[in-house]
């Protein structure tokens, strides 16, 4: 059995760290997308867009409707 090089260990660690960070981001986006459902604000999965931008726009529209009525 061949011993892996130091670079192989570094590459593996970087890939694992990236995988963990992407997973955290996805879970956070899903939670952020789910919270407004409590207030009746729903929007689908954003492809190539910003979840936070969509949440802000939906929330600001909801708040402005509430204030004007």
PDB file of N, CA and C in Angstrom:
ATOM      1  N   UNK A   1       0.840  -1.170   0.000  1.00  0.00           N
ATOM      2  CA  UNK A   1       0.000   0.000   0.000  1.00  0.00           C
ATOM      3  C   UNK A   1       0.888   1.237   0.000  1.00  0.00           C
ATOM      4  N   UNK A   2       0.559   2.187  -0.868  1.00  0.00           N
ATOM      5  CA  UNK A   2       1.366   3.388  -1.012  1.00  0.00           C
ATOM      6  C   UNK A   2       0.903   4.450  -0.007  1.00  0.00           C
ATOM      7  N   UNK A   3       1.837   5.133   0.608  1.00  0.00           N
ATOM      8  CA  UNK A   3       1.521   6.212   1.549  1.00  0.00           C
ATOM      9  C   UNK A   3       1.178   7.462   0.754  1.00  0.00           C
ATOM     10  N   UNK A   4       0.096   8.107   1.126  1.00  0.00           N
ATOM     11  CA  UNK A   4      -0.336   9.314   0.415  1.00  0.00           C
ATOM     12  C   UNK A   4       0.571  10.483   0.768  1.00  0.00           C
ATOM     13  N   UNK A   5       0.737  11.359  -0.184  1.00  0.00           N
ATOM     14  CA  UNK A   5       1.598  12.517   0.027  1.00  0.00           C
ATOM     15  C   UNK A   5       0.897  13.550   0.912  1.00  0.00           C
ATOM     16  N   UNK A   6       1.687  14.467   1.412  1.00  0.00           N
ATOM     17  CA  UNK A   6       1.148  15.554   2.241  1.00  0.00           C
ATOM     18  C   UNK A   6       0.127  16.372   1.437  1.00  0.00           C
ATOM     19  N   UNK A   7       0.447  16.616   0.146  1.00  0.00           N
ATOM     20  CA  UNK A   7      -0.481  17.376  -0.711  1.00  0.00           C
ATOM     21  C   UNK A   7      -1.826  16.670  -0.846  1.00  0.00           C
ATOM     22  N   UNK A   8      -1.819  15.353  -0.909  1.00  0.00           N
ATOM     23  CA  UNK A   8      -3.071  14.602  -1.001  1.00  0.00           C
ATOM     24  C   UNK A   8      -3.914  14.805   0.253  1.00  0.00           C
ATOM     25  N   UNK A   9      -3.263  14.815   1.423  1.00  0.00           N
ATOM     26  CA  UNK A   9      -3.985  15.056   2.669  1.00  0.00           C
ATOM     27  C   UNK A   9      -4.548  16.475   2.719  1.00  0.00           C
ATOM     28  N   UNK A  10      -3.757  17.441   2.252  1.00  0.00           N
ATOM     29  CA  UNK A  10      -4.215  18.835   2.235  1.00  0.00           C
ATOM     30  C   UNK A  10      -5.410  18.988   1.290  1.00  0.00           C
ATOM     31  N   UNK A  11      -5.310  18.393   0.109  1.00  0.00           N
ATOM     32  CA  UNK A  11      -6.419  18.476  -0.848  1.00  0.00           C
ATOM     33  C   UNK A  11      -7.687  17.846  -0.278  1.00  0.00           C
ATOM     34  N   UNK A  12      -7.538  16.706   0.359  1.00  0.00           N
ATOM     35  CA  UNK A  12      -8.685  16.012   0.952  1.00  0.00           C
ATOM     36  C   UNK A  12      -9.322  16.867   2.050  1.00  0.00           C
ATOM     37  N   UNK A  13      -8.479  17.496   2.879  1.00  0.00           N
ATOM     38  CA  UNK A  13      -8.989  18.355   3.953  1.00  0.00           C
ATOM     39  C   UNK A  13      -9.735  19.546   3.378  1.00  0.00           C
ATOM     40  N   UNK A  14      -9.213  20.144   2.327  1.00  0.00           N
ATOM     41  CA  UNK A  14      -9.872  21.289   1.692  1.00  0.00           C
ATOM     42  C   UNK A  14     -11.228  20.882   1.105  1.00  0.00           C
ATOM     43  N   UNK A  15     -11.277  19.735   0.464  1.00  0.00           N
ATOM     44  CA  UNK A  15     -12.540  19.269  -0.106  1.00  0.00           C
ATOM     45  C   UNK A  15     -13.578  18.992   0.977  1.00  0.00           C
ATOM     46  N   UNK A  16     -13.146  18.391   2.079  1.00  0.00           N
ATOM     47  CA  UNK A  16     -14.062  18.109   3.190  1.00  0.00           C
ATOM     48  C   UNK A  16     -14.571  19.412   3.821  1.00  0.00           C
ATOM     49  N   UNK A  17     -13.683  20.385   3.969  1.00  0.00           N
ATOM     50  CA  UNK A  17     -14.082  21.679   4.545  1.00  0.00           C
ATOM     51  C   UNK A  17     -15.081  22.367   3.629  1.00  0.00           C
ATOM     52  N   UNK A  18     -14.831  22.336   2.323  1.00  0.00           N
ATOM     53  CA  UNK A  18     -15.754  22.956   1.374  1.00  0.00           C
ATOM     54  C   UNK A  18     -17.114  22.275   1.426  1.00  0.00           C
ATOM     55  N   UNK A  19     -17.094  20.960   1.463  1.00  0.00           N
ATOM     56  CA  UNK A  19     -18.340  20.193   1.542  1.00  0.00           C
ATOM     57  C   UNK A  19     -19.138  20.571   2.789  1.00  0.00           C
ATOM     58  N   UNK A  20     -18.454  20.721   3.904  1.00  0.00           N
ATOM     59  CA  UNK A  20     -19.130  21.108   5.149  1.00  0.00           C
ATOM     60  C   UNK A  20     -19.708  22.520   5.048  1.00  0.00           C
ATOM     61  N   UNK A  21     -18.955  23.454   4.461  1.00  0.00           N
ATOM     62  CA  UNK A  21     -19.421  24.835   4.336  1.00  0.00           C
ATOM     63  C   UNK A  21     -20.620  24.938   3.397  1.00  0.00           C
ATOM     64  N   UNK A  22     -20.575  24.208   2.287  1.00  0.00           N
ATOM     65  CA  UNK A  22     -21.710  24.216   1.349  1.00  0.00           C
ATOM     66  C   UNK A  22     -22.946  23.649   2.038  1.00  0.00           C
ATOM     67  N   UNK A  23     -22.781  22.589   2.796  1.00  0.00           N
ATOM     68  CA  UNK A  23     -23.913  22.010   3.527  1.00  0.00           C
ATOM     69  C   UNK A  23     -24.503  22.983   4.528  1.00  0.00           C
ATOM     70  N   UNK A  24     -23.637  23.714   5.249  1.00  0.00           N
ATOM     71  CA  UNK A  24     -24.133  24.714   6.206  1.00  0.00           C
ATOM     72  C   UNK A  24     -24.895  25.818   5.494  1.00  0.00           C
ATOM     73  N   UNK A  25     -24.366  26.269   4.338  1.00  0.00           N
ATOM     74  CA  UNK A  25     -25.031  27.330   3.586  1.00  0.00           C
ATOM     75  C   UNK A  25     -26.415  26.888   3.113  1.00  0.00           C
ATOM     76  N   UNK A  26     -26.503  25.671   2.607  1.00  0.00           N
ATOM     77  CA  UNK A  26     -27.786  25.157   2.113  1.00  0.00           C
ATOM     78  C   UNK A  26     -28.795  25.051   3.257  1.00  0.00           C
ATOM     79  N   UNK A  27     -28.357  24.528   4.415  1.00  0.00           N
ATOM     80  CA  UNK A  27     -29.272  24.416   5.559  1.00  0.00           C
ATOM     81  C   UNK A  27     -29.733  25.795   6.027  1.00  0.00           C
ATOM     82  N   UNK A  28     -28.829  26.772   6.049  1.00  0.00           N
ATOM     83  CA  UNK A  28     -29.185  28.134   6.462  1.00  0.00           C
ATOM     84  C   UNK A  28     -30.162  28.760   5.474  1.00  0.00           C
ATOM     85  N   UNK A  29     -29.909  28.608   4.178  1.00  0.00           N
ATOM     86  CA  UNK A  29     -30.831  29.142   3.161  1.00  0.00           C
ATOM     87  C   UNK A  29     -32.208  28.510   3.303  1.00  0.00           C
ATOM     88  N   UNK A  30     -32.261  27.212   3.537  1.00  0.00           N
ATOM     89  CA  UNK A  30     -33.550  26.541   3.694  1.00  0.00           C
ATOM     90  C   UNK A  30     -34.294  27.052   4.917  1.00  0.00           C
ATOM     91  N   UNK A  31     -33.563  27.285   6.008  1.00  0.00           N
ATOM     92  CA  UNK A  31     -34.205  27.797   7.212  1.00  0.00           C
ATOM     93  C   UNK A  31     -34.708  29.215   6.997  1.00  0.00           C
ATOM     94  N   UNK A  32     -33.896  30.045   6.346  1.00  0.00           N
ATOM     95  CA  UNK A  32     -34.304  31.417   6.075  1.00  0.00           C
ATOM     96  C   UNK A  32     -35.515  31.443   5.154  1.00  0.00           C
ATOM     97  N   UNK A  33     -35.541  30.559   4.175  1.00  0.00           N
ATOM     98  CA  UNK A  33     -36.675  30.499   3.255  1.00  0.00           C
ATOM     99  C   UNK A  33     -37.935  30.003   3.967  1.00  0.00           C
ATOM    100  N   UNK A  34     -37.769  29.151   4.974  1.00  0.00           N
ATOM    101  CA  UNK A  34     -38.920  28.596   5.676  1.00  0.00           C
ATOM    102  C   UNK A  34     -39.528  29.523   6.705  1.00  0.00           C
ATOM    103  N   UNK A  35     -38.735  30.394   7.323  1.00  0.00           N
ATOM    104  CA  UNK A  35     -39.249  31.271   8.369  1.00  0.00           C
ATOM    105  C   UNK A  35     -40.377  32.195   7.902  1.00  0.00           C
ATOM    106  N   UNK A  36     -40.276  32.830   6.738  1.00  0.00           N
ATOM    107  CA  UNK A  36     -41.372  33.713   6.307  1.00  0.00           C
ATOM    108  C   UNK A  36     -42.690  32.992   6.045  1.00  0.00           C
ATOM    109  N   UNK A  37     -42.668  31.665   5.897  1.00  0.00           N
ATOM    110  CA  UNK A  37     -43.912  30.927   5.676  1.00  0.00           C
ATOM    111  C   UNK A  37     -44.882  31.132   6.832  1.00  0.00           C
ATOM    112  N   UNK A  38     -44.343  31.405   8.016  1.00  0.00           N
ATOM    113  CA  UNK A  38     -45.176  31.682   9.186  1.00  0.00           C
ATOM    114  C   UNK A  38     -46.082  32.879   8.927  1.00  0.00           C
ATOM    115  N   UNK A  39     -45.604  33.812   8.132  1.00  0.00           N
ATOM    116  CA  UNK A  39     -46.350  35.034   7.830  1.00  0.00           C
ATOM    117  C   UNK A  39     -47.020  34.989   6.466  1.00  0.00           C
ATOM    118  N   UNK A  40     -47.042  33.836   5.849  1.00  0.00           N
ATOM    119  CA  UNK A  40     -47.722  33.678   4.563  1.00  0.00           C
ATOM    120  C   UNK A  40     -46.890  34.096   3.370  1.00  0.00           C
ATOM    121  N   UNK A  41     -45.605  34.325   3.576  1.00  0.00           N
ATOM    122  CA  UNK A  41     -44.719  34.711   2.475  1.00  0.00           C
ATOM    123  C   UNK A  41     -44.028  33.447   1.988  1.00  0.00           C
ATOM    124  N   UNK A  42     -44.239  33.121   0.715  1.00  0.00           N
ATOM    125  CA  UNK A  42     -43.627  31.911   0.173  1.00  0.00           C
ATOM    126  C   UNK A  42     -42.965  32.237  -1.148  1.00  0.00           C
ATOM    127  N   UNK A  43     -41.814  31.676  -1.355  1.00  0.00           N
ATOM    128  CA  UNK A  43     -41.144  31.780  -2.641  1.00  0.00           C
ATOM    129  C   UNK A  43     -40.312  30.534  -2.837  1.00  0.00           C
ATOM    130  N   UNK A  44     -40.103  30.189  -4.099  1.00  0.00           N
ATOM    131  CA  UNK A  44     -39.423  28.938  -4.425  1.00  0.00           C
ATOM    132  C   UNK A  44     -37.926  29.035  -4.296  1.00  0.00           C
ATOM    133  N   UNK A  45     -37.292  27.951  -4.608  1.00  0.00           N
ATOM    134  CA  UNK A  45     -35.835  27.870  -4.545  1.00  0.00           C
ATOM    135  C   UNK A  45     -35.238  28.819  -5.578  1.00  0.00           C
ATOM    136  N   UNK A  46     -34.240  29.542  -5.175  1.00  0.00           N
ATOM    137  CA  UNK A  46     -33.580  30.499  -6.055  1.00  0.00           C
ATOM    138  C   UNK A  46     -32.437  29.811  -6.786  1.00  0.00           C
ATOM    139  N   UNK A  47     -32.460  29.887  -8.097  1.00  0.00           N
ATOM    140  CA  UNK A  47     -31.382  29.313  -8.885  1.00  0.00           C
ATOM    141  C   UNK A  47     -30.520  30.464  -9.391  1.00  0.00           C
ATOM    142  N   UNK A  48     -29.317  30.521  -8.884  1.00  0.00           N
ATOM    143  CA  UNK A  48     -28.402  31.579  -9.302  1.00  0.00           C
ATOM    144  C   UNK A  48     -28.732  32.932  -8.699  1.00  0.00           C
ATOM    145  N   UNK A  49     -29.631  32.965  -7.736  1.00  0.00           N
ATOM    146  CA  UNK A  49     -30.004  34.227  -7.114  1.00  0.00           C
ATOM    147  C   UNK A  49     -29.684  34.222  -5.642  1.00  0.00           C
ATOM    148  N   UNK A  50     -30.003  35.314  -5.013  1.00  0.00           N
ATOM    149  CA  UNK A  50     -29.720  35.446  -3.597  1.00  0.00           C
ATOM    150  C   UNK A  50     -30.985  35.218  -2.785  1.00  0.00           C
ATOM    151  N   UNK A  51     -30.938  34.266  -1.889  1.00  0.00           N
ATOM    152  CA  UNK A  51     -32.083  33.991  -1.020  1.00  0.00           C
ATOM    153  C   UNK A  51     -32.365  35.200  -0.147  1.00  0.00           C
ATOM    154  N   UNK A  52     -31.312  35.809   0.383  1.00  0.00           N
ATOM    155  CA  UNK A  52     -31.495  36.961   1.260  1.00  0.00           C
ATOM    156  C   UNK A  52     -32.163  38.117   0.525  1.00  0.00           C
ATOM    157  N   UNK A  53     -31.814  38.329  -0.730  1.00  0.00           N
ATOM    158  CA  UNK A  53     -32.437  39.388  -1.523  1.00  0.00           C
ATOM    159  C   UNK A  53     -33.928  39.109  -1.692  1.00  0.00           C
ATOM    160  N   UNK A  54     -34.281  37.876  -1.987  1.00  0.00           N
ATOM    161  CA  UNK A  54     -35.686  37.514  -2.154  1.00  0.00           C
ATOM    162  C   UNK A  54     -36.455  37.665  -0.842  1.00  0.00           C
ATOM    163  N   UNK A  55     -35.830  37.266   0.281  1.00  0.00           N
ATOM    164  CA  UNK A  55     -36.473  37.404   1.583  1.00  0.00           C
ATOM    165  C   UNK A  55     -36.703  38.876   1.886  1.00  0.00           C
ATOM    166  N   UNK A  56     -35.701  39.702   1.650  1.00  0.00           N
ATOM    167  CA  UNK A  56     -35.821  41.134   1.921  1.00  0.00           C
ATOM    168  C   UNK A  56     -36.935  41.751   1.086  1.00  0.00           C
ATOM    169  N   UNK A  57     -36.962  41.444  -0.212  1.00  0.00           N
ATOM    170  CA  UNK A  57     -37.997  42.015  -1.084  1.00  0.00           C
ATOM    171  C   UNK A  57     -39.392  41.560  -0.672  1.00  0.00           C
ATOM    172  N   UNK A  58     -39.546  40.282  -0.403  1.00  0.00           N
ATOM    173  CA  UNK A  58     -40.858  39.760   0.000  1.00  0.00           C
ATOM    174  C   UNK A  58     -41.291  40.357   1.325  1.00  0.00           C
ATOM    175  N   UNK A  59     -40.365  40.460   2.265  1.00  0.00           N
ATOM    176  CA  UNK A  59     -40.683  40.993   3.586  1.00  0.00           C
ATOM    177  C   UNK A  59     -41.039  42.471   3.501  1.00  0.00           C
ATOM    178  N   UNK A  60     -40.280  43.244   2.719  1.00  0.00           N
ATOM    179  CA  UNK A  60     -40.553  44.675   2.617  1.00  0.00           C
ATOM    180  C   UNK A  60     -41.896  44.925   1.932  1.00  0.00           C
ATOM    181  N   UNK A  61     -42.251  44.087   0.954  1.00  0.00           N
ATOM    182  CA  UNK A  61     -43.566  44.232   0.313  1.00  0.00           C
ATOM    183  C   UNK A  61     -44.667  43.914   1.311  1.00  0.00           C
ATOM    184  N   UNK A  62     -44.471  42.899   2.122  1.00  0.00           N
ATOM    185  CA  UNK A  62     -45.452  42.496   3.123  1.00  0.00           C
ATOM    186  C   UNK A  62     -45.642  43.585   4.177  1.00  0.00           C
ATOM    187  N   UNK A  63     -44.549  44.168   4.640  1.00  0.00           N
ATOM    188  CA  UNK A  63     -44.601  45.213   5.654  1.00  0.00           C
ATOM    189  C   UNK A  63     -45.256  46.468   5.079  1.00  0.00           C
ATOM    190  N   UNK A  64     -44.932  46.842   3.843  1.00  0.00           N
ATOM    191  CA  UNK A  64     -45.529  48.035   3.267  1.00  0.00           C
ATOM    192  C   UNK A  64     -47.024  47.847   3.043  1.00  0.00           C
ATOM    193  N   UNK A  65     -47.460  46.634   2.692  1.00  0.00           N
ATOM    194  CA  UNK A  65     -48.900  46.354   2.545  1.00  0.00           C
ATOM    195  C   UNK A  65     -49.607  46.483   3.887  1.00  0.00           C
ATOM    196  N   UNK A  66     -48.968  46.020   4.936  1.00  0.00           N
ATOM    197  CA  UNK A  66     -49.562  46.079   6.280  1.00  0.00           C
ATOM    198  C   UNK A  66     -49.680  47.509   6.762  1.00  0.00           C
ATOM    199  N   UNK A  67     -48.665  48.328   6.481  1.00  0.00           N
ATOM    200  CA  UNK A  67     -48.663  49.715   6.943  1.00  0.00           C
ATOM    201  C   UNK A  67     -49.700  50.532   6.188  1.00  0.00           C
ATOM    202  N   UNK A  68     -49.881  50.302   4.896  1.00  0.00           N
ATOM    203  CA  UNK A  68     -50.816  51.100   4.110  1.00  0.00           C
ATOM    204  C   UNK A  68     -52.270  50.688   4.295  1.00  0.00           C
ATOM    205  N   UNK A  69     -52.497  49.509   4.868  1.00  0.00           N
ATOM    206  CA  UNK A  69     -53.896  49.062   5.047  1.00  0.00           C
ATOM    207  C   UNK A  69     -54.309  49.151   6.472  1.00  0.00           C
TER     208      UNK A  69
END
